[in-house]
């Protein structure tokens, strides 16, 4: 299990480049590394939903 700091760092790196289905899959895997009650998990989950929605609108 990764620490919140490690997940946060990996999250930033993940979304620096091109966003595609592989990016979303990796992001979900990172979220799974966090405890269900983690505030970071909730924040990043919400952010992922927003990024996914923006990605769909851009197509």
N, C-alpha and C. Protein backbone atom coordinates (compact mmCIF):
# COMPACT_ATOMS: atom_id res chain seq x y z
N UNK A 1 0.84 -1.17 0.00
CA UNK A 1 0.00 0.00 0.00
C UNK A 1 0.89 1.25 0.00
N UNK A 2 0.55 2.20 -0.85
CA UNK A 2 1.32 3.43 -0.95
C UNK A 2 0.85 4.45 0.08
N UNK A 3 1.74 5.36 0.44
CA UNK A 3 1.35 6.44 1.34
C UNK A 3 0.58 7.50 0.54
N UNK A 4 -0.12 8.37 1.25
CA UNK A 4 -0.85 9.44 0.57
C UNK A 4 0.11 10.33 -0.21
N UNK A 5 1.28 10.57 0.33
CA UNK A 5 2.27 11.40 -0.35
C UNK A 5 2.72 10.74 -1.66
N UNK A 6 2.94 9.44 -1.64
CA UNK A 6 3.35 8.72 -2.85
C UNK A 6 2.25 8.74 -3.90
N UNK A 7 1.02 8.56 -3.46
CA UNK A 7 -0.11 8.58 -4.39
C UNK A 7 -0.24 9.97 -5.01
N UNK A 8 -0.12 11.00 -4.19
CA UNK A 8 -0.24 12.37 -4.66
C UNK A 8 0.84 12.69 -5.70
N UNK A 9 2.04 12.27 -5.44
CA UNK A 9 3.16 12.50 -6.37
C UNK A 9 2.92 11.75 -7.68
N UNK A 10 2.51 10.50 -7.59
CA UNK A 10 2.25 9.71 -8.79
C UNK A 10 1.09 10.29 -9.59
N UNK A 11 0.08 10.80 -8.89
CA UNK A 11 -1.09 11.40 -9.52
C UNK A 11 -0.67 12.59 -10.38
N UNK A 12 0.15 13.46 -9.81
CA UNK A 12 0.62 14.65 -10.55
C UNK A 12 1.39 14.23 -11.81
N UNK A 13 2.25 13.23 -11.67
CA UNK A 13 3.04 12.76 -12.82
C UNK A 13 2.13 12.15 -13.89
N UNK A 14 1.13 11.45 -13.45
CA UNK A 14 0.22 10.76 -14.37
C UNK A 14 -0.51 11.73 -15.28
N UNK A 15 -0.91 12.88 -14.73
CA UNK A 15 -1.70 13.82 -15.51
C UNK A 15 -0.88 14.94 -16.14
N UNK A 16 0.44 14.81 -16.15
CA UNK A 16 1.30 15.79 -16.83
C UNK A 16 1.28 15.59 -18.34
N UNK A 17 1.10 14.38 -18.77
CA UNK A 17 1.14 14.07 -20.20
C UNK A 17 -0.24 13.94 -20.79
N UNK A 18 -0.31 13.18 -21.85
CA UNK A 18 -1.56 12.94 -22.56
C UNK A 18 -2.50 12.10 -21.69
N UNK A 19 -3.77 12.47 -21.70
CA UNK A 19 -4.77 11.74 -20.93
C UNK A 19 -5.55 10.82 -21.87
N UNK A 20 -5.51 9.52 -21.58
CA UNK A 20 -6.23 8.54 -22.39
C UNK A 20 -6.79 7.46 -21.47
N UNK A 21 -7.33 6.41 -22.03
CA UNK A 21 -7.97 5.37 -21.22
C UNK A 21 -6.97 4.70 -20.28
N UNK A 22 -5.72 4.59 -20.70
CA UNK A 22 -4.68 4.01 -19.85
C UNK A 22 -4.43 4.90 -18.64
N UNK A 23 -4.46 6.21 -18.85
CA UNK A 23 -4.28 7.17 -17.76
C UNK A 23 -5.37 6.98 -16.72
N UNK A 24 -6.62 6.85 -17.18
CA UNK A 24 -7.74 6.67 -16.26
C UNK A 24 -7.61 5.36 -15.49
N UNK A 25 -7.16 4.33 -16.14
CA UNK A 25 -6.98 3.04 -15.49
C UNK A 25 -5.92 3.13 -14.40
N UNK A 26 -4.81 3.78 -14.70
CA UNK A 26 -3.74 3.95 -13.72
C UNK A 26 -4.20 4.82 -12.56
N UNK A 27 -4.99 5.84 -12.85
CA UNK A 27 -5.51 6.72 -11.80
C UNK A 27 -6.42 5.94 -10.85
N UNK A 28 -7.26 5.08 -11.39
CA UNK A 28 -8.14 4.27 -10.55
C UNK A 28 -7.33 3.31 -9.68
N UNK A 29 -6.26 2.78 -10.23
CA UNK A 29 -5.38 1.90 -9.45
C UNK A 29 -4.76 2.67 -8.30
N UNK A 30 -4.34 3.91 -8.55
CA UNK A 30 -3.79 4.73 -7.48
C UNK A 30 -4.84 4.98 -6.39
N UNK A 31 -6.07 5.27 -6.79
CA UNK A 31 -7.13 5.50 -5.81
C UNK A 31 -7.35 4.26 -4.93
N UNK A 32 -7.21 3.09 -5.54
CA UNK A 32 -7.39 1.84 -4.79
C UNK A 32 -6.31 1.64 -3.73
N UNK A 33 -5.20 2.34 -3.86
CA UNK A 33 -4.11 2.24 -2.89
C UNK A 33 -4.43 2.99 -1.60
N UNK A 34 -5.42 3.88 -1.65
CA UNK A 34 -5.76 4.69 -0.48
C UNK A 34 -6.89 4.04 0.33
N UNK A 35 -6.89 4.32 1.62
CA UNK A 35 -7.95 3.82 2.49
C UNK A 35 -9.29 4.40 2.02
N UNK A 36 -10.37 3.64 2.15
CA UNK A 36 -11.69 4.13 1.71
C UNK A 36 -12.11 5.43 2.40
N UNK A 37 -11.70 5.64 3.63
CA UNK A 37 -12.10 6.84 4.37
C UNK A 37 -11.15 8.01 4.18
N UNK A 38 -10.14 7.84 3.36
CA UNK A 38 -9.13 8.88 3.15
C UNK A 38 -9.73 10.11 2.45
N UNK A 39 -9.52 11.30 3.02
CA UNK A 39 -9.96 12.53 2.35
C UNK A 39 -9.29 12.71 0.98
N UNK A 40 -8.04 12.27 0.88
CA UNK A 40 -7.34 12.37 -0.40
C UNK A 40 -8.02 11.50 -1.45
N UNK A 41 -8.45 10.33 -1.06
CA UNK A 41 -9.15 9.44 -2.00
C UNK A 41 -10.43 10.10 -2.52
N UNK A 42 -11.16 10.74 -1.62
CA UNK A 42 -12.39 11.43 -2.02
C UNK A 42 -12.07 12.59 -2.97
N UNK A 43 -11.05 13.39 -2.64
CA UNK A 43 -10.70 14.54 -3.46
C UNK A 43 -10.23 14.11 -4.84
N UNK A 44 -9.34 13.11 -4.89
CA UNK A 44 -8.83 12.66 -6.17
C UNK A 44 -9.90 11.94 -6.99
N UNK A 45 -10.80 11.25 -6.32
CA UNK A 45 -11.91 10.60 -7.03
C UNK A 45 -12.80 11.62 -7.71
N UNK A 46 -13.08 12.72 -7.00
CA UNK A 46 -13.87 13.80 -7.58
C UNK A 46 -13.12 14.44 -8.75
N UNK A 47 -11.83 14.65 -8.56
CA UNK A 47 -11.00 15.23 -9.62
C UNK A 47 -10.98 14.32 -10.85
N UNK A 48 -10.89 13.02 -10.63
CA UNK A 48 -10.87 12.08 -11.74
C UNK A 48 -12.18 12.14 -12.52
N UNK A 49 -13.29 12.22 -11.81
CA UNK A 49 -14.59 12.35 -12.48
C UNK A 49 -14.65 13.60 -13.34
N UNK A 50 -14.12 14.71 -12.82
CA UNK A 50 -14.12 15.97 -13.57
C UNK A 50 -13.22 15.89 -14.81
N UNK A 51 -12.05 15.28 -14.66
CA UNK A 51 -11.13 15.14 -15.79
C UNK A 51 -11.74 14.24 -16.86
N UNK A 52 -12.38 13.16 -16.42
CA UNK A 52 -13.03 12.24 -17.35
C UNK A 52 -14.13 12.97 -18.14
N UNK A 53 -14.91 13.77 -17.44
CA UNK A 53 -15.99 14.53 -18.10
C UNK A 53 -15.42 15.54 -19.10
N UNK A 54 -14.37 16.24 -18.72
CA UNK A 54 -13.75 17.20 -19.63
C UNK A 54 -13.17 16.50 -20.87
N UNK A 55 -12.61 15.32 -20.65
CA UNK A 55 -12.04 14.54 -21.74
C UNK A 55 -13.12 14.12 -22.73
N UNK A 56 -14.26 13.73 -22.23
CA UNK A 56 -15.37 13.32 -23.09
C UNK A 56 -15.93 14.51 -23.87
N UNK A 57 -15.98 15.68 -23.24
CA UNK A 57 -16.49 16.87 -23.91
C UNK A 57 -15.55 17.35 -25.01
N UNK A 58 -14.26 17.10 -24.85
CA UNK A 58 -13.27 17.54 -25.81
C UNK A 58 -13.30 16.71 -27.10
N UNK A 59 -13.92 15.55 -27.04
CA UNK A 59 -13.94 14.65 -28.21
C UNK A 59 -15.04 15.00 -29.17
